[in-house]
Amino acid sequence: MRLSAPKKLTWSIAVILGVIGLLMNFGVLSIAGFSSFWLVAIGFILLTLATLFKGL
């Protein structure tokens, strides 16, 4: 299985999701209805999928 680097846009979206999740976890930011854990998890899942599938 060959892995590929994610595109800059995909990487940026994943990092933004992760940072928002961390800010929510530390109480700096609060968004009703969202869990900080799930935002960070979605960011990591997005990065994993972008690494596994070329062109994402």
PDB file of N, CA and C in Angstrom:
ATOM      1  N   MET A   1       0.844  -1.168   0.000  1.00  0.00           N
ATOM      2  CA  MET A   1       0.000   0.000   0.000  1.00  0.00           C
ATOM      3  C   MET A   1       0.895   1.238   0.000  1.00  0.00           C
ATOM      4  N   ARG A   2       0.682   2.092  -0.971  1.00  0.00           N
ATOM      5  CA  ARG A   2       1.464   3.315  -1.061  1.00  0.00           C
ATOM      6  C   ARG A   2       0.673   4.463  -0.436  1.00  0.00           C
ATOM      7  N   LEU A   3       1.344   5.217   0.416  1.00  0.00           N
ATOM      8  CA  LEU A   3       0.727   6.359   1.068  1.00  0.00           C
ATOM      9  C   LEU A   3       1.122   7.626   0.337  1.00  0.00           C
ATOM     10  N   SER A   4       0.248   8.631   0.407  1.00  0.00           N
ATOM     11  CA  SER A   4       0.545   9.905  -0.239  1.00  0.00           C
ATOM     12  C   SER A   4       0.288  11.035   0.747  1.00  0.00           C
ATOM     13  N   ALA A   5       0.962  12.122   0.515  1.00  0.00           N
ATOM     14  CA  ALA A   5       0.780  13.295   1.372  1.00  0.00           C
ATOM     15  C   ALA A   5      -0.578  13.931   1.077  1.00  0.00           C
ATOM     16  N   PRO A   6      -1.278  14.388   2.108  1.00  0.00           N
ATOM     17  CA  PRO A   6      -2.560  15.055   1.862  1.00  0.00           C
ATOM     18  C   PRO A   6      -2.350  16.411   1.206  1.00  0.00           C
ATOM     19  N   LYS A   7      -3.372  16.875   0.518  1.00  0.00           N
ATOM     20  CA  LYS A   7      -3.300  18.195  -0.094  1.00  0.00           C
ATOM     21  C   LYS A   7      -3.291  19.257   0.996  1.00  0.00           C
ATOM     22  N   LYS A   8      -2.830  20.439   0.653  1.00  0.00           N
ATOM     23  CA  LYS A   8      -2.721  21.523   1.628  1.00  0.00           C
ATOM     24  C   LYS A   8      -4.086  21.909   2.200  1.00  0.00           C
ATOM     25  N   LEU A   9      -5.109  21.914   1.376  1.00  0.00           N
ATOM     26  CA  LEU A   9      -6.445  22.271   1.843  1.00  0.00           C
ATOM     27  C   LEU A   9      -6.964  21.249   2.852  1.00  0.00           C
ATOM     28  N   THR A  10      -6.785  19.968   2.546  1.00  0.00           N
ATOM     29  CA  THR A  10      -7.225  18.909   3.450  1.00  0.00           C
ATOM     30  C   THR A  10      -6.464  18.987   4.765  1.00  0.00           C
ATOM     31  N   TRP A  11      -5.163  19.208   4.690  1.00  0.00           N
ATOM     32  CA  TRP A  11      -4.352  19.323   5.898  1.00  0.00           C
ATOM     33  C   TRP A  11      -4.775  20.527   6.730  1.00  0.00           C
ATOM     34  N   SER A  12      -5.052  21.649   6.062  1.00  0.00           N
ATOM     35  CA  SER A  12      -5.468  22.862   6.764  1.00  0.00           C
ATOM     36  C   SER A  12      -6.803  22.667   7.480  1.00  0.00           C
ATOM     37  N   ILE A  13      -7.753  22.023   6.812  1.00  0.00           N
ATOM     38  CA  ILE A  13      -9.056  21.763   7.433  1.00  0.00           C
ATOM     39  C   ILE A  13      -8.893  20.872   8.659  1.00  0.00           C
ATOM     40  N   ALA A  14      -8.069  19.836   8.550  1.00  0.00           N
ATOM     41  CA  ALA A  14      -7.851  18.929   9.674  1.00  0.00           C
ATOM     42  C   ALA A  14      -7.188  19.657  10.849  1.00  0.00           C
ATOM     43  N   VAL A  15      -6.235  20.520  10.566  1.00  0.00           N
ATOM     44  CA  VAL A  15      -5.565  21.264  11.630  1.00  0.00           C
ATOM     45  C   VAL A  15      -6.535  22.245  12.289  1.00  0.00           C
ATOM     46  N   ILE A  16      -7.360  22.904  11.504  1.00  0.00           N
ATOM     47  CA  ILE A  16      -8.346  23.833  12.060  1.00  0.00           C
ATOM     48  C   ILE A  16      -9.322  23.096  12.968  1.00  0.00           C
ATOM     49  N   LEU A  17      -9.797  21.936  12.535  1.00  0.00           N
ATOM     50  CA  LEU A  17     -10.690  21.137  13.379  1.00  0.00           C
ATOM     51  C   LEU A  17     -10.006  20.741  14.683  1.00  0.00           C
ATOM     52  N   GLY A  18      -8.752  20.331  14.590  1.00  0.00           N
ATOM     53  CA  GLY A  18      -8.006  19.952  15.784  1.00  0.00           C
ATOM     54  C   GLY A  18      -7.805  21.112  16.742  1.00  0.00           C
ATOM     55  N   VAL A  19      -7.456  22.277  16.222  1.00  0.00           N
ATOM     56  CA  VAL A  19      -7.237  23.450  17.068  1.00  0.00           C
ATOM     57  C   VAL A  19      -8.544  23.885  17.728  1.00  0.00           C
ATOM     58  N   ILE A  20      -9.637  23.886  16.987  1.00  0.00           N
ATOM     59  CA  ILE A  20     -10.929  24.237  17.574  1.00  0.00           C
ATOM     60  C   ILE A  20     -11.303  23.243  18.668  1.00  0.00           C
ATOM     61  N   GLY A  21     -11.056  21.951  18.423  1.00  0.00           N
ATOM     62  CA  GLY A  21     -11.326  20.930  19.435  1.00  0.00           C
ATOM     63  C   GLY A  21     -10.503  21.136  20.693  1.00  0.00           C
ATOM     64  N   LEU A  22      -9.223  21.484  20.545  1.00  0.00           N
ATOM     65  CA  LEU A  22      -8.376  21.750  21.708  1.00  0.00           C
ATOM     66  C   LEU A  22      -8.829  22.999  22.462  1.00  0.00           C
ATOM     67  N   LEU A  23      -9.190  24.049  21.738  1.00  0.00           N
ATOM     68  CA  LEU A  23      -9.677  25.258  22.392  1.00  0.00           C
ATOM     69  C   LEU A  23     -10.965  24.996  23.161  1.00  0.00           C
ATOM     70  N   MET A  24     -11.825  24.156  22.600  1.00  0.00           N
ATOM     71  CA  MET A  24     -13.053  23.793  23.302  1.00  0.00           C
ATOM     72  C   MET A  24     -12.741  22.967  24.541  1.00  0.00           C
ATOM     73  N   ASN A  25     -11.764  22.091  24.462  1.00  0.00           N
ATOM     74  CA  ASN A  25     -11.403  21.248  25.593  1.00  0.00           C
ATOM     75  C   ASN A  25     -10.882  22.071  26.772  1.00  0.00           C
ATOM     76  N   PHE A  26     -10.129  23.126  26.480  1.00  0.00           N
ATOM     77  CA  PHE A  26      -9.562  23.961  27.539  1.00  0.00           C
ATOM     78  C   PHE A  26     -10.490  25.101  27.957  1.00  0.00           C
ATOM     79  N   GLY A  27     -11.677  25.176  27.378  1.00  0.00           N
ATOM     80  CA  GLY A  27     -12.662  26.167  27.794  1.00  0.00           C
ATOM     81  C   GLY A  27     -12.485  27.541  27.191  1.00  0.00           C
ATOM     82  N   VAL A  28     -11.604  27.679  26.226  1.00  0.00           N
ATOM     83  CA  VAL A  28     -11.393  28.977  25.587  1.00  0.00           C
ATOM     84  C   VAL A  28     -12.529  29.291  24.623  1.00  0.00           C
ATOM     85  N   LEU A  29     -13.066  28.263  24.006  1.00  0.00           N
ATOM     86  CA  LEU A  29     -14.113  28.395  22.999  1.00  0.00           C
ATOM     87  C   LEU A  29     -15.228  27.421  23.330  1.00  0.00           C
ATOM     88  N   SER A  30     -16.455  27.854  23.165  1.00  0.00           N
ATOM     89  CA  SER A  30     -17.561  26.924  23.401  1.00  0.00           C
ATOM     90  C   SER A  30     -18.559  27.016  22.246  1.00  0.00           C
ATOM     91  N   ILE A  31     -18.840  25.872  21.677  1.00  0.00           N
ATOM     92  CA  ILE A  31     -19.806  25.769  20.589  1.00  0.00           C
ATOM     93  C   ILE A  31     -20.850  24.763  21.040  1.00  0.00           C
ATOM     94  N   ALA A  32     -22.078  25.211  21.165  1.00  0.00           N
ATOM     95  CA  ALA A  32     -23.145  24.347  21.669  1.00  0.00           C
ATOM     96  C   ALA A  32     -23.405  23.198  20.703  1.00  0.00           C
ATOM     97  N   GLY A  33     -23.521  22.009  21.243  1.00  0.00           N
ATOM     98  CA  GLY A  33     -23.869  20.847  20.439  1.00  0.00           C
ATOM     99  C   GLY A  33     -22.690  20.063  19.897  1.00  0.00           C
ATOM    100  N   PHE A  34     -21.484  20.560  20.087  1.00  0.00           N
ATOM    101  CA  PHE A  34     -20.307  19.865  19.583  1.00  0.00           C
ATOM    102  C   PHE A  34     -19.433  19.410  20.739  1.00  0.00           C
ATOM    103  N   SER A  35     -18.822  18.271  20.569  1.00  0.00           N
ATOM    104  CA  SER A  35     -17.888  17.751  21.556  1.00  0.00           C
ATOM    105  C   SER A  35     -16.469  17.973  21.043  1.00  0.00           C
ATOM    106  N   SER A  36     -15.593  18.423  21.917  1.00  0.00           N
ATOM    107  CA  SER A  36     -14.211  18.678  21.506  1.00  0.00           C
ATOM    108  C   SER A  36     -13.526  17.391  21.048  1.00  0.00           C
ATOM    109  N   PHE A  37     -13.844  16.283  21.704  1.00  0.00           N
ATOM    110  CA  PHE A  37     -13.251  15.003  21.321  1.00  0.00           C
ATOM    111  C   PHE A  37     -13.579  14.666  19.873  1.00  0.00           C
ATOM    112  N   TRP A  38     -14.827  14.843  19.480  1.00  0.00           N
ATOM    113  CA  TRP A  38     -15.232  14.461  18.132  1.00  0.00           C
ATOM    114  C   TRP A  38     -14.618  15.372  17.075  1.00  0.00           C
ATOM    115  N   LEU A  39     -14.414  16.630  17.384  1.00  0.00           N
ATOM    116  CA  LEU A  39     -13.758  17.507  16.407  1.00  0.00           C
ATOM    117  C   LEU A  39     -12.316  17.070  16.167  1.00  0.00           C
ATOM    118  N   VAL A  40     -11.600  16.743  17.236  1.00  0.00           N
ATOM    119  CA  VAL A  40     -10.218  16.274  17.084  1.00  0.00           C
ATOM    120  C   VAL A  40     -10.200  14.926  16.368  1.00  0.00           C
ATOM    121  N   ALA A  41     -11.137  14.042  16.723  1.00  0.00           N
ATOM    122  CA  ALA A  41     -11.202  12.723  16.076  1.00  0.00           C
ATOM    123  C   ALA A  41     -11.496  12.857  14.584  1.00  0.00           C
ATOM    124  N   ILE A  42     -12.399  13.735  14.204  1.00  0.00           N
ATOM    125  CA  ILE A  42     -12.726  13.943  12.790  1.00  0.00           C
ATOM    126  C   ILE A  42     -11.499  14.488  12.049  1.00  0.00           C
ATOM    127  N   GLY A  43     -10.746  15.381  12.692  1.00  0.00           N
ATOM    128  CA  GLY A  43      -9.522  15.901  12.075  1.00  0.00           C
ATOM    129  C   GLY A  43      -8.511  14.801  11.801  1.00  0.00           C
ATOM    130  N   PHE A  44      -8.313  13.910  12.787  1.00  0.00           N
ATOM    131  CA  PHE A  44      -7.373  12.797  12.592  1.00  0.00           C
ATOM    132  C   PHE A  44      -7.881  11.812  11.544  1.00  0.00           C
ATOM    133  N   ILE A  45      -9.164  11.538  11.530  1.00  0.00           N
ATOM    134  CA  ILE A  45      -9.732  10.633  10.524  1.00  0.00           C
ATOM    135  C   ILE A  45      -9.558  11.226   9.126  1.00  0.00           C
ATOM    136  N   LEU A  46      -9.791  12.526   9.003  1.00  0.00           N
ATOM    137  CA  LEU A  46      -9.604  13.200   7.714  1.00  0.00           C
ATOM    138  C   LEU A  46      -8.157  13.088   7.234  1.00  0.00           C
ATOM    139  N   LEU A  47      -7.205  13.295   8.142  1.00  0.00           N
ATOM    140  CA  LEU A  47      -5.798  13.161   7.764  1.00  0.00           C
ATOM    141  C   LEU A  47      -5.452  11.728   7.367  1.00  0.00           C
ATOM    142  N   THR A  48      -5.995  10.759   8.085  1.00  0.00           N
ATOM    143  CA  THR A  48      -5.749   9.358   7.756  1.00  0.00           C
ATOM    144  C   THR A  48      -6.298   9.005   6.383  1.00  0.00           C
ATOM    145  N   LEU A  49      -7.515   9.417   6.101  1.00  0.00           N
ATOM    146  CA  LEU A  49      -8.111   9.125   4.793  1.00  0.00           C
ATOM    147  C   LEU A  49      -7.353   9.819   3.672  1.00  0.00           C
ATOM    148  N   ALA A  50      -6.913  11.053   3.927  1.00  0.00           N
ATOM    149  CA  ALA A  50      -6.163  11.788   2.902  1.00  0.00           C
ATOM    150  C   ALA A  50      -4.813  11.147   2.637  1.00  0.00           C
ATOM    151  N   THR A  51      -4.238  10.476   3.633  1.00  0.00           N
ATOM    152  CA  THR A  51      -2.969   9.804   3.440  1.00  0.00           C
ATOM    153  C   THR A  51      -3.161   8.477   2.695  1.00  0.00           C
ATOM    154  N   LEU A  52      -4.268   7.812   2.951  1.00  0.00           N
ATOM    155  CA  LEU A  52      -4.513   6.513   2.326  1.00  0.00           C
ATOM    156  C   LEU A  52      -4.970   6.634   0.872  1.00  0.00           C
ATOM    157  N   PHE A  53      -5.765   7.658   0.566  1.00  0.00           N
ATOM    158  CA  PHE A  53      -6.320   7.796  -0.778  1.00  0.00           C
ATOM    159  C   PHE A  53      -5.669   8.965  -1.495  1.00  0.00           C
ATOM    160  N   LYS A  54      -5.113   8.688  -2.654  1.00  0.00           N
ATOM    161  CA  LYS A  54      -4.432   9.723  -3.428  1.00  0.00           C
ATOM    162  C   LYS A  54      -5.445  10.719  -3.985  1.00  0.00           C
ATOM    163  N   GLY A  55      -5.111  11.983  -3.925  1.00  0.00           N
ATOM    164  CA  GLY A  55      -5.949  13.033  -4.487  1.00  0.00           C
ATOM    165  C   GLY A  55      -6.936  13.633  -3.528  1.00  0.00           C
ATOM    166  N   LEU A  56      -6.854  13.263  -2.262  1.00  0.00           N
ATOM    167  CA  LEU A  56      -7.807  13.819  -1.289  1.00  0.00           C
ATOM    168  C   LEU A  56      -7.158  14.889  -0.482  1.00  0.00           C
TER     169      LEU A  56
END
